[in-house]
Amino acid sequence: MLSSPDLYPVTVPRRQLQRLGSGRFFEYVTDTYLAQQPAEALRVSRATVLFTLAHGL
């Protein structure tokens, strides 16, 4: 597994992902991440985080 201060691993139970659907799940993760990392919210846009999630999984 890669480790870096700029990488954040996310583990999701398959059942939860299926229940929410990938779009809603990505939005939930994005909003949670930006709420927990306020400095990131100033550095990158919500759309950037959503794009990264959608194309990284």
PDB file of N, CA and C in Angstrom:
ATOM      1  N   MET A   1       0.844  -1.181   0.000  1.00  0.00           N
ATOM      2  CA  MET A   1       0.000   0.000   0.000  1.00  0.00           C
ATOM      3  C   MET A   1       0.887   1.242   0.000  1.00  0.00           C
ATOM      4  N   LEU A   2       0.507   2.211  -0.802  1.00  0.00           N
ATOM      5  CA  LEU A   2       1.233   3.472  -0.842  1.00  0.00           C
ATOM      6  C   LEU A   2       0.932   4.273   0.414  1.00  0.00           C
ATOM      7  N   SER A   3       1.918   4.997   0.861  1.00  0.00           N
ATOM      8  CA  SER A   3       1.718   5.826   2.032  1.00  0.00           C
ATOM      9  C   SER A   3       2.327   7.198   1.767  1.00  0.00           C
ATOM     10  N   SER A   4       1.574   8.211   2.037  1.00  0.00           N
ATOM     11  CA  SER A   4       2.023   9.574   1.815  1.00  0.00           C
ATOM     12  C   SER A   4       1.101  10.499   2.585  1.00  0.00           C
ATOM     13  N   PRO A   5       1.597  11.669   2.990  1.00  0.00           N
ATOM     14  CA  PRO A   5       0.707  12.607   3.666  1.00  0.00           C
ATOM     15  C   PRO A   5      -0.404  13.123   2.746  1.00  0.00           C
ATOM     16  N   ASP A   6      -0.250  12.942   1.428  1.00  0.00           N
ATOM     17  CA  ASP A   6      -1.249  13.422   0.471  1.00  0.00           C
ATOM     18  C   ASP A   6      -2.231  12.340   0.043  1.00  0.00           C
ATOM     19  N   LEU A   7      -2.069  11.106   0.533  1.00  0.00           N
ATOM     20  CA  LEU A   7      -2.954  10.005   0.167  1.00  0.00           C
ATOM     21  C   LEU A   7      -3.767   9.578   1.388  1.00  0.00           C
ATOM     22  N   TYR A   8      -5.053   9.334   1.173  1.00  0.00           N
ATOM     23  CA  TYR A   8      -5.926   8.933   2.250  1.00  0.00           C
ATOM     24  C   TYR A   8      -6.652   7.658   1.846  1.00  0.00           C
ATOM     25  N   PRO A   9      -6.355   6.522   2.474  1.00  0.00           N
ATOM     26  CA  PRO A   9      -7.045   5.281   2.106  1.00  0.00           C
ATOM     27  C   PRO A   9      -8.501   5.322   2.566  1.00  0.00           C
ATOM     28  N   VAL A  10      -9.368   4.747   1.756  1.00  0.00           N
ATOM     29  CA  VAL A  10     -10.781   4.665   2.092  1.00  0.00           C
ATOM     30  C   VAL A  10     -11.220   3.223   1.918  1.00  0.00           C
ATOM     31  N   THR A  11     -11.790   2.652   2.971  1.00  0.00           N
ATOM     32  CA  THR A  11     -12.331   1.298   2.901  1.00  0.00           C
ATOM     33  C   THR A  11     -13.843   1.403   3.060  1.00  0.00           C
ATOM     34  N   VAL A  12     -14.555   0.757   2.145  1.00  0.00           N
ATOM     35  CA  VAL A  12     -16.008   0.852   2.140  1.00  0.00           C
ATOM     36  C   VAL A  12     -16.613  -0.538   2.105  1.00  0.00           C
ATOM     37  N   PRO A  13     -17.516  -0.838   3.041  1.00  0.00           N
ATOM     38  CA  PRO A  13     -18.221  -2.109   2.946  1.00  0.00           C
ATOM     39  C   PRO A  13     -19.035  -2.139   1.643  1.00  0.00           C
ATOM     40  N   ARG A  14     -18.945  -3.241   0.921  1.00  0.00           N
ATOM     41  CA  ARG A  14     -19.643  -3.367  -0.366  1.00  0.00           C
ATOM     42  C   ARG A  14     -21.139  -3.073  -0.216  1.00  0.00           C
ATOM     43  N   ARG A  15     -21.732  -3.542   0.865  1.00  0.00           N
ATOM     44  CA  ARG A  15     -23.167  -3.346   1.088  1.00  0.00           C
ATOM     45  C   ARG A  15     -23.512  -1.856   1.157  1.00  0.00           C
ATOM     46  N   GLN A  16     -22.673  -1.084   1.859  1.00  0.00           N
ATOM     47  CA  GLN A  16     -22.928   0.355   1.984  1.00  0.00           C
ATOM     48  C   GLN A  16     -22.797   1.039   0.622  1.00  0.00           C
ATOM     49  N   LEU A  17     -21.787   0.674  -0.135  1.00  0.00           N
ATOM     50  CA  LEU A  17     -21.591   1.264  -1.453  1.00  0.00           C
ATOM     51  C   LEU A  17     -22.770   0.934  -2.372  1.00  0.00           C
ATOM     52  N   GLN A  18     -23.248  -0.310  -2.325  1.00  0.00           N
ATOM     53  CA  GLN A  18     -24.384  -0.704  -3.153  1.00  0.00           C
ATOM     54  C   GLN A  18     -25.657   0.027  -2.736  1.00  0.00           C
ATOM     55  N   ARG A  19     -25.821   0.231  -1.446  1.00  0.00           N
ATOM     56  CA  ARG A  19     -27.035   0.894  -0.948  1.00  0.00           C
ATOM     57  C   ARG A  19     -27.065   2.361  -1.368  1.00  0.00           C
ATOM     58  N   LEU A  20     -25.944   3.050  -1.230  1.00  0.00           N
ATOM     59  CA  LEU A  20     -25.895   4.467  -1.567  1.00  0.00           C
ATOM     60  C   LEU A  20     -25.757   4.716  -3.065  1.00  0.00           C
ATOM     61  N   GLY A  21     -25.105   3.819  -3.758  1.00  0.00           N
ATOM     62  CA  GLY A  21     -24.752   4.073  -5.149  1.00  0.00           C
ATOM     63  C   GLY A  21     -23.466   4.873  -5.176  1.00  0.00           C
ATOM     64  N   SER A  22     -22.671   4.696  -6.185  1.00  0.00           N
ATOM     65  CA  SER A  22     -21.351   5.325  -6.194  1.00  0.00           C
ATOM     66  C   SER A  22     -21.429   6.848  -6.184  1.00  0.00           C
ATOM     67  N   GLY A  23     -22.358   7.443  -6.924  1.00  0.00           N
ATOM     68  CA  GLY A  23     -22.442   8.902  -6.973  1.00  0.00           C
ATOM     69  C   GLY A  23     -22.708   9.524  -5.620  1.00  0.00           C
ATOM     70  N   ARG A  24     -23.723   9.014  -4.924  1.00  0.00           N
ATOM     71  CA  ARG A  24     -24.045   9.550  -3.598  1.00  0.00           C
ATOM     72  C   ARG A  24     -22.936   9.250  -2.597  1.00  0.00           C
ATOM     73  N   PHE A  25     -22.314   8.075  -2.723  1.00  0.00           N
ATOM     74  CA  PHE A  25     -21.234   7.744  -1.810  1.00  0.00           C
ATOM     75  C   PHE A  25     -20.049   8.695  -2.006  1.00  0.00           C
ATOM     76  N   PHE A  26     -19.688   8.964  -3.259  1.00  0.00           N
ATOM     77  CA  PHE A  26     -18.576   9.881  -3.534  1.00  0.00           C
ATOM     78  C   PHE A  26     -18.872  11.276  -2.973  1.00  0.00           C
ATOM     79  N   GLU A  27     -20.106  11.720  -3.083  1.00  0.00           N
ATOM     80  CA  GLU A  27     -20.472  13.018  -2.526  1.00  0.00           C
ATOM     81  C   GLU A  27     -20.346  13.012  -1.005  1.00  0.00           C
ATOM     82  N   TYR A  28     -20.780  11.927  -0.374  1.00  0.00           N
ATOM     83  CA  TYR A  28     -20.663  11.799   1.090  1.00  0.00           C
ATOM     84  C   TYR A  28     -19.198  11.845   1.523  1.00  0.00           C
ATOM     85  N   VAL A  29     -18.347  11.079   0.846  1.00  0.00           N
ATOM     86  CA  VAL A  29     -16.926  11.048   1.196  1.00  0.00           C
ATOM     87  C   VAL A  29     -16.300  12.419   0.975  1.00  0.00           C
ATOM     88  N   THR A  30     -16.636  13.064  -0.124  1.00  0.00           N
ATOM     89  CA  THR A  30     -16.096  14.391  -0.425  1.00  0.00           C
ATOM     90  C   THR A  30     -16.475  15.388   0.653  1.00  0.00           C
ATOM     91  N   ASP A  31     -17.749  15.439   0.996  1.00  0.00           N
ATOM     92  CA  ASP A  31     -18.204  16.400   2.012  1.00  0.00           C
ATOM     93  C   ASP A  31     -17.579  16.111   3.376  1.00  0.00           C
ATOM     94  N   THR A  32     -17.470  14.837   3.725  1.00  0.00           N
ATOM     95  CA  THR A  32     -16.864  14.458   5.002  1.00  0.00           C
ATOM     96  C   THR A  32     -15.386  14.837   5.030  1.00  0.00           C
ATOM     97  N   TYR A  33     -14.690  14.525   3.954  1.00  0.00           N
ATOM     98  CA  TYR A  33     -13.259  14.846   3.864  1.00  0.00           C
ATOM     99  C   TYR A  33     -13.031  16.349   3.976  1.00  0.00           C
ATOM    100  N   LEU A  34     -13.773  17.132   3.208  1.00  0.00           N
ATOM    101  CA  LEU A  34     -13.568  18.581   3.236  1.00  0.00           C
ATOM    102  C   LEU A  34     -13.960  19.187   4.580  1.00  0.00           C
ATOM    103  N   ALA A  35     -14.937  18.609   5.254  1.00  0.00           N
ATOM    104  CA  ALA A  35     -15.312  19.094   6.588  1.00  0.00           C
ATOM    105  C   ALA A  35     -14.219  18.783   7.611  1.00  0.00           C
ATOM    106  N   GLN A  36     -13.552  17.641   7.446  1.00  0.00           N
ATOM    107  CA  GLN A  36     -12.504  17.248   8.392  1.00  0.00           C
ATOM    108  C   GLN A  36     -11.158  17.875   8.070  1.00  0.00           C
ATOM    109  N   GLN A  37     -11.001  18.340   6.844  1.00  0.00           N
ATOM    110  CA  GLN A  37      -9.727  18.939   6.408  1.00  0.00           C
ATOM    111  C   GLN A  37     -10.008  20.335   5.841  1.00  0.00           C
ATOM    112  N   PRO A  38     -10.322  21.306   6.687  1.00  0.00           N
ATOM    113  CA  PRO A  38     -10.711  22.627   6.186  1.00  0.00           C
ATOM    114  C   PRO A  38      -9.634  23.307   5.342  1.00  0.00           C
ATOM    115  N   ALA A  39      -8.377  23.026   5.596  1.00  0.00           N
ATOM    116  CA  ALA A  39      -7.314  23.612   4.771  1.00  0.00           C
ATOM    117  C   ALA A  39      -7.397  23.107   3.335  1.00  0.00           C
ATOM    118  N   GLU A  40      -7.816  21.866   3.166  1.00  0.00           N
ATOM    119  CA  GLU A  40      -7.972  21.312   1.820  1.00  0.00           C
ATOM    120  C   GLU A  40      -9.117  22.001   1.087  1.00  0.00           C
ATOM    121  N   ALA A  41     -10.156  22.372   1.805  1.00  0.00           N
ATOM    122  CA  ALA A  41     -11.286  23.054   1.180  1.00  0.00           C
ATOM    123  C   ALA A  41     -10.856  24.392   0.592  1.00  0.00           C
ATOM    124  N   LEU A  42      -9.823  24.993   1.158  1.00  0.00           N
ATOM    125  CA  LEU A  42      -9.291  26.241   0.613  1.00  0.00           C
ATOM    126  C   LEU A  42      -8.351  25.985  -0.558  1.00  0.00           C
ATOM    127  N   ARG A  43      -7.726  24.818  -0.563  1.00  0.00           N
ATOM    128  CA  ARG A  43      -6.720  24.490  -1.575  1.00  0.00           C
ATOM    129  C   ARG A  43      -7.323  23.891  -2.842  1.00  0.00           C
ATOM    130  N   VAL A  44      -8.317  23.031  -2.705  1.00  0.00           N
ATOM    131  CA  VAL A  44      -8.926  22.365  -3.861  1.00  0.00           C
ATOM    132  C   VAL A  44     -10.438  22.526  -3.821  1.00  0.00           C
ATOM    133  N   SER A  45     -11.043  22.430  -4.976  1.00  0.00           N
ATOM    134  CA  SER A  45     -12.506  22.559  -5.031  1.00  0.00           C
ATOM    135  C   SER A  45     -13.176  21.217  -4.746  1.00  0.00           C
ATOM    136  N   ARG A  46     -14.453  21.289  -4.422  1.00  0.00           N
ATOM    137  CA  ARG A  46     -15.249  20.081  -4.199  1.00  0.00           C
ATOM    138  C   ARG A  46     -15.262  19.241  -5.471  1.00  0.00           C
ATOM    139  N   ALA A  47     -15.376  19.906  -6.612  1.00  0.00           N
ATOM    140  CA  ALA A  47     -15.406  19.201  -7.896  1.00  0.00           C
ATOM    141  C   ALA A  47     -14.115  18.415  -8.136  1.00  0.00           C
ATOM    142  N   THR A  48     -12.994  18.954  -7.698  1.00  0.00           N
ATOM    143  CA  THR A  48     -11.717  18.262  -7.858  1.00  0.00           C
ATOM    144  C   THR A  48     -11.687  16.976  -7.051  1.00  0.00           C
ATOM    145  N   VAL A  49     -12.173  17.043  -5.816  1.00  0.00           N
ATOM    146  CA  VAL A  49     -12.201  15.855  -4.970  1.00  0.00           C
ATOM    147  C   VAL A  49     -13.164  14.809  -5.560  1.00  0.00           C
ATOM    148  N   LEU A  50     -14.346  15.256  -5.988  1.00  0.00           N
ATOM    149  CA  LEU A  50     -15.308  14.336  -6.597  1.00  0.00           C
ATOM    150  C   LEU A  50     -14.726  13.661  -7.832  1.00  0.00           C
ATOM    151  N   PHE A  51     -14.064  14.429  -8.684  1.00  0.00           N
ATOM    152  CA  PHE A  51     -13.458  13.864  -9.897  1.00  0.00           C
ATOM    153  C   PHE A  51     -12.419  12.819  -9.533  1.00  0.00           C
ATOM    154  N   THR A  52     -11.589  13.115  -8.556  1.00  0.00           N
ATOM    155  CA  THR A  52     -10.539  12.181  -8.134  1.00  0.00           C
ATOM    156  C   THR A  52     -11.143  10.892  -7.615  1.00  0.00           C
ATOM    157  N   LEU A  53     -12.164  10.985  -6.802  1.00  0.00           N
ATOM    158  CA  LEU A  53     -12.822   9.779  -6.287  1.00  0.00           C
ATOM    159  C   LEU A  53     -13.446   8.964  -7.414  1.00  0.00           C
ATOM    160  N   ALA A  54     -14.168   9.634  -8.278  1.00  0.00           N
ATOM    161  CA  ALA A  54     -14.875   8.933  -9.349  1.00  0.00           C
ATOM    162  C   ALA A  54     -13.920   8.220 -10.307  1.00  0.00           C
ATOM    163  N   HIS A  55     -12.756   8.786 -10.522  1.00  0.00           N
ATOM    164  CA  HIS A  55     -11.820   8.179 -11.459  1.00  0.00           C
ATOM    165  C   HIS A  55     -10.748   7.328 -10.786  1.00  0.00           C
ATOM    166  N   GLY A  56     -10.710   7.365  -9.459  1.00  0.00           N
ATOM    167  CA  GLY A  56      -9.711   6.600  -8.729  1.00  0.00           C
ATOM    168  C   GLY A  56     -10.192   5.253  -8.230  1.00  0.00           C
ATOM    169  N   LEU A  57     -11.502   5.063  -8.187  1.00  0.00           N
ATOM    170  CA  LEU A  57     -12.044   3.795  -7.687  1.00  0.00           C
ATOM    171  C   LEU A  57     -12.526   2.939  -8.816  1.00  0.00           C
TER     172      LEU A  57
END
